[in-house]
N, C-alpha and C. Protein backbone atom coordinates (compact mmCIF):
# COMPACT_ATOMS: atom_id res chain seq x y z
N ALA A 1 0.98 -1.08 -0.17
CA ALA A 1 0.13 -0.12 -0.17
C ALA A 1 0.88 1.06 -0.08
N PHE A 2 1.93 1.15 0.66
CA PHE A 2 3.09 2.37 0.78
C PHE A 2 4.02 2.10 -0.77
N TRP A 3 4.30 3.24 -0.70
CA TRP A 3 5.36 3.09 -1.63
C TRP A 3 7.06 3.56 -1.29
N ARG A 4 7.69 2.93 -1.32
CA ARG A 4 9.07 2.91 -0.70
C ARG A 4 9.98 3.49 -2.07
N SER A 5 10.29 4.67 -1.64
CA SER A 5 11.88 5.06 -2.87
C SER A 5 12.66 4.36 -3.06
N ASP A 6 13.44 4.10 -4.34
CA ASP A 6 14.54 3.38 -4.52
C ASP A 6 15.68 4.16 -4.15
N VAL A 7 15.56 5.69 -3.95
CA VAL A 7 16.48 6.42 -3.66
C VAL A 7 16.88 6.48 -2.21
N LEU A 8 16.40 6.56 -1.19
CA LEU A 8 16.00 6.71 0.06
C LEU A 8 16.71 5.63 0.72
N ASP A 9 17.31 5.91 1.98
CA ASP A 9 18.33 4.73 2.52
C ASP A 9 17.06 4.22 3.89
N TYR A 10 16.78 3.22 3.74
CA TYR A 10 16.12 2.55 5.19
C TYR A 10 16.78 1.88 6.11
N ARG A 11 18.01 1.66 5.87
CA ARG A 11 19.11 0.89 6.68
C ARG A 11 18.88 1.76 8.21
N PRO A 12 19.20 1.33 9.21
CA PRO A 12 19.41 1.47 10.76
C PRO A 12 20.41 2.70 10.74
N PHE A 13 20.56 3.29 11.59
CA PHE A 13 21.28 4.42 11.73
C PHE A 13 22.82 4.08 11.62
N GLU A 14 22.86 3.81 12.48
CA GLU A 14 24.26 2.59 12.82
C GLU A 14 24.77 2.33 11.59
N THR A 15 24.12 1.25 10.44
CA THR A 15 24.30 0.76 9.82
C THR A 15 24.55 1.94 8.01
N TRP A 16 23.78 3.00 8.34
CA TRP A 16 24.05 4.13 7.32
C TRP A 16 25.10 4.75 7.49
N ALA A 17 25.66 5.36 8.43
CA ALA A 17 26.70 5.87 9.13
C ALA A 17 27.92 4.96 8.99
N GLU A 18 28.20 3.74 9.04
CA GLU A 18 29.18 3.14 8.50
C GLU A 18 29.54 2.97 7.39
N ALA A 19 28.14 2.91 6.04
CA ALA A 19 28.04 3.23 4.61
C ALA A 19 28.93 3.99 4.15
N GLY A 20 28.74 5.26 4.80
CA GLY A 20 29.43 6.67 4.57
C GLY A 20 28.36 7.81 4.66
N ALA A 21 27.19 7.39 5.26
CA ALA A 21 26.46 8.63 5.97
C ALA A 21 26.09 9.69 4.84
N GLN A 22 25.82 8.72 3.78
CA GLN A 22 25.29 9.78 2.17
C GLN A 22 23.87 10.17 2.37
N ASP A 23 23.70 11.75 2.28
CA ASP A 23 22.44 12.11 2.38
C ASP A 23 21.69 11.62 1.25
N SER A 24 20.36 12.39 1.05
CA SER A 24 19.24 12.02 -0.25
C SER A 24 20.24 12.77 -1.27
N MET A 25 20.48 14.16 -1.54
CA MET A 25 21.23 14.43 -2.72
C MET A 25 22.23 13.54 -3.12
N GLN A 26 22.92 12.73 -2.31
CA GLN A 26 24.32 12.03 -2.81
C GLN A 26 23.73 10.74 -3.37
N LEU A 27 22.72 9.92 -2.50
CA LEU A 27 22.11 8.87 -3.00
C LEU A 27 21.51 9.19 -4.41
N ALA A 28 20.74 10.15 -4.65
CA ALA A 28 19.94 10.53 -5.78
C ALA A 28 21.06 10.90 -6.93
N ASN A 29 22.06 11.23 -6.64
CA ASN A 29 23.36 11.69 -7.48
C ASN A 29 23.65 10.22 -8.14
N ALA A 30 24.19 9.22 -7.02
CA ALA A 30 24.85 7.99 -7.45
C ALA A 30 23.86 7.47 -8.40
N ARG A 31 22.29 7.41 -7.98
CA ARG A 31 21.11 6.50 -8.72
C ARG A 31 21.18 7.18 -10.62
N VAL A 32 21.19 8.49 -10.18
CA VAL A 32 21.39 9.01 -11.69
C VAL A 32 22.69 8.48 -12.35
N ALA A 33 23.81 8.74 -11.76
CA ALA A 33 25.10 8.57 -12.68
C ALA A 33 25.06 6.80 -12.87
N LYS A 34 24.08 6.44 -12.48
CA LYS A 34 24.34 4.64 -12.25
C LYS A 34 23.35 4.45 -13.80
N MET A 35 21.94 5.00 -13.49
CA MET A 35 21.47 4.95 -14.95
C MET A 35 21.47 5.56 -15.64
N LEU A 36 22.79 6.67 -16.06
CA LEU A 36 23.13 7.18 -17.26
C LEU A 36 23.74 6.12 -17.89
N ALA A 37 25.22 5.59 -16.68
CA ALA A 37 25.93 4.56 -17.13
C ALA A 37 25.31 3.50 -18.02
N GLU A 38 24.19 2.72 -17.70
CA GLU A 38 23.68 1.64 -17.93
C GLU A 38 22.74 1.98 -19.16
N TYR A 39 22.47 3.30 -19.33
CA TYR A 39 21.57 3.24 -20.33
C TYR A 39 22.04 3.01 -21.93
N VAL A 40 21.13 2.13 -22.44
CA VAL A 40 21.39 1.53 -24.02
C VAL A 40 19.94 2.14 -24.46
N ALA A 41 20.07 2.59 -25.45
CA ALA A 41 19.05 3.62 -26.49
C ALA A 41 17.94 2.13 -27.04
N PRO A 42 17.20 2.31 -27.24
CA PRO A 42 16.34 1.37 -27.85
C PRO A 42 16.46 1.14 -29.17
N PRO A 43 16.27 0.32 -30.32
CA PRO A 43 16.45 0.59 -31.71
C PRO A 43 15.52 1.84 -31.97
N LEU A 44 16.01 2.09 -32.55
CA LEU A 44 14.88 3.38 -33.87
C LEU A 44 14.91 3.28 -35.25
N ASP A 45 13.75 2.66 -35.88
CA ASP A 45 14.13 2.73 -37.44
C ASP A 45 14.82 3.76 -37.98
N GLU A 46 15.50 3.68 -39.02
CA GLU A 46 16.49 4.98 -39.68
C GLU A 46 15.73 6.04 -40.42
N GLY A 47 14.50 5.26 -40.80
CA GLY A 47 13.88 6.54 -41.49
C GLY A 47 13.17 7.69 -40.49
N ILE A 48 12.79 7.00 -39.45
CA ILE A 48 12.27 7.51 -37.92
C ILE A 48 13.15 8.42 -37.65
N ALA A 49 14.47 7.68 -37.48
CA ALA A 49 15.25 8.74 -36.42
C ALA A 49 15.92 10.18 -37.58
N GLU A 50 16.02 9.93 -38.98
CA GLU A 50 16.07 10.48 -39.75
C GLU A 50 14.91 11.83 -39.79
N GLY A 51 13.82 11.64 -39.70
CA GLY A 51 12.56 12.42 -39.86
C GLY A 51 12.69 13.49 -38.59
N LEU A 52 12.74 12.69 -37.52
CA LEU A 52 13.37 13.36 -36.25
C LEU A 52 14.29 14.20 -36.40
N ASN A 53 15.29 13.93 -36.59
CA ASN A 53 16.49 14.65 -36.80
C ASN A 53 16.13 16.28 -37.58
N ASP A 54 15.47 16.21 -38.97
CA ASP A 54 15.08 16.73 -39.74
C ASP A 54 14.29 18.05 -39.06
N TYR A 55 13.24 17.48 -38.24
CA TYR A 55 12.43 17.94 -37.54
C TYR A 55 12.85 19.07 -36.75
N VAL A 56 13.37 18.18 -35.66
CA VAL A 56 14.63 19.17 -34.96
C VAL A 56 15.65 20.45 -35.35
N ALA A 57 16.05 19.73 -36.23
CA ALA A 57 16.64 20.97 -37.29
C ALA A 57 15.65 22.08 -37.52
N ARG A 58 14.70 22.05 -38.37
CA ARG A 58 13.59 23.08 -38.79
C ARG A 58 13.31 23.79 -37.42
N ARG A 59 13.09 23.21 -36.29
CA ARG A 59 12.46 24.15 -35.29
C ARG A 59 13.67 24.70 -34.86
N LYS A 60 14.75 24.35 -34.83
CA LYS A 60 15.93 25.09 -34.11
C LYS A 60 16.17 26.02 -35.04
N ALA A 61 15.96 26.02 -36.29
CA ALA A 61 16.11 27.14 -37.23
C ALA A 61 15.03 27.98 -37.14
N SER A 62 14.11 27.79 -36.88
CA SER A 62 13.00 28.85 -37.19
C SER A 62 12.63 29.76 -35.54
N GLU A 63 13.66 29.15 -34.53
CA GLU A 63 13.27 29.87 -33.08
C GLU A 63 14.59 30.73 -32.78
N PRO A 64 14.59 31.90 -32.13
CA PRO A 64 15.72 32.09 -31.45
C PRO A 64 16.31 31.43 -30.80
N ASP A 65 17.78 31.32 -30.69
CA ASP A 65 18.77 30.55 -29.66
C ASP A 65 18.18 31.18 -28.36
N ALA A 66 17.92 30.86 -27.50
CA ALA A 66 17.78 31.03 -25.86
C ALA A 66 18.81 31.01 -25.11
N PHE A 67 19.97 30.46 -25.70
CA PHE A 67 21.21 30.34 -24.64
C PHE A 67 22.14 30.95 -25.28
N GLY A 68 21.87 31.69 -26.12
CA GLY A 68 23.17 32.76 -26.71
C GLY A 68 24.15 32.47 -27.54
């Protein structure tokens, strides 16, 4: 009934302290780094990928660059 976050550390205080006492920001950062390192892009049909790239290029060309 209750959702348990994969980011939070539910171990007892002593165990948490012995393991480095990482706060929520550090735990989340490690989780994101792991997810990015293990990410594998799904297969995408070459025609679809080309169409998406063309669309993005057209949209970028039609809008001013917001980042200078």
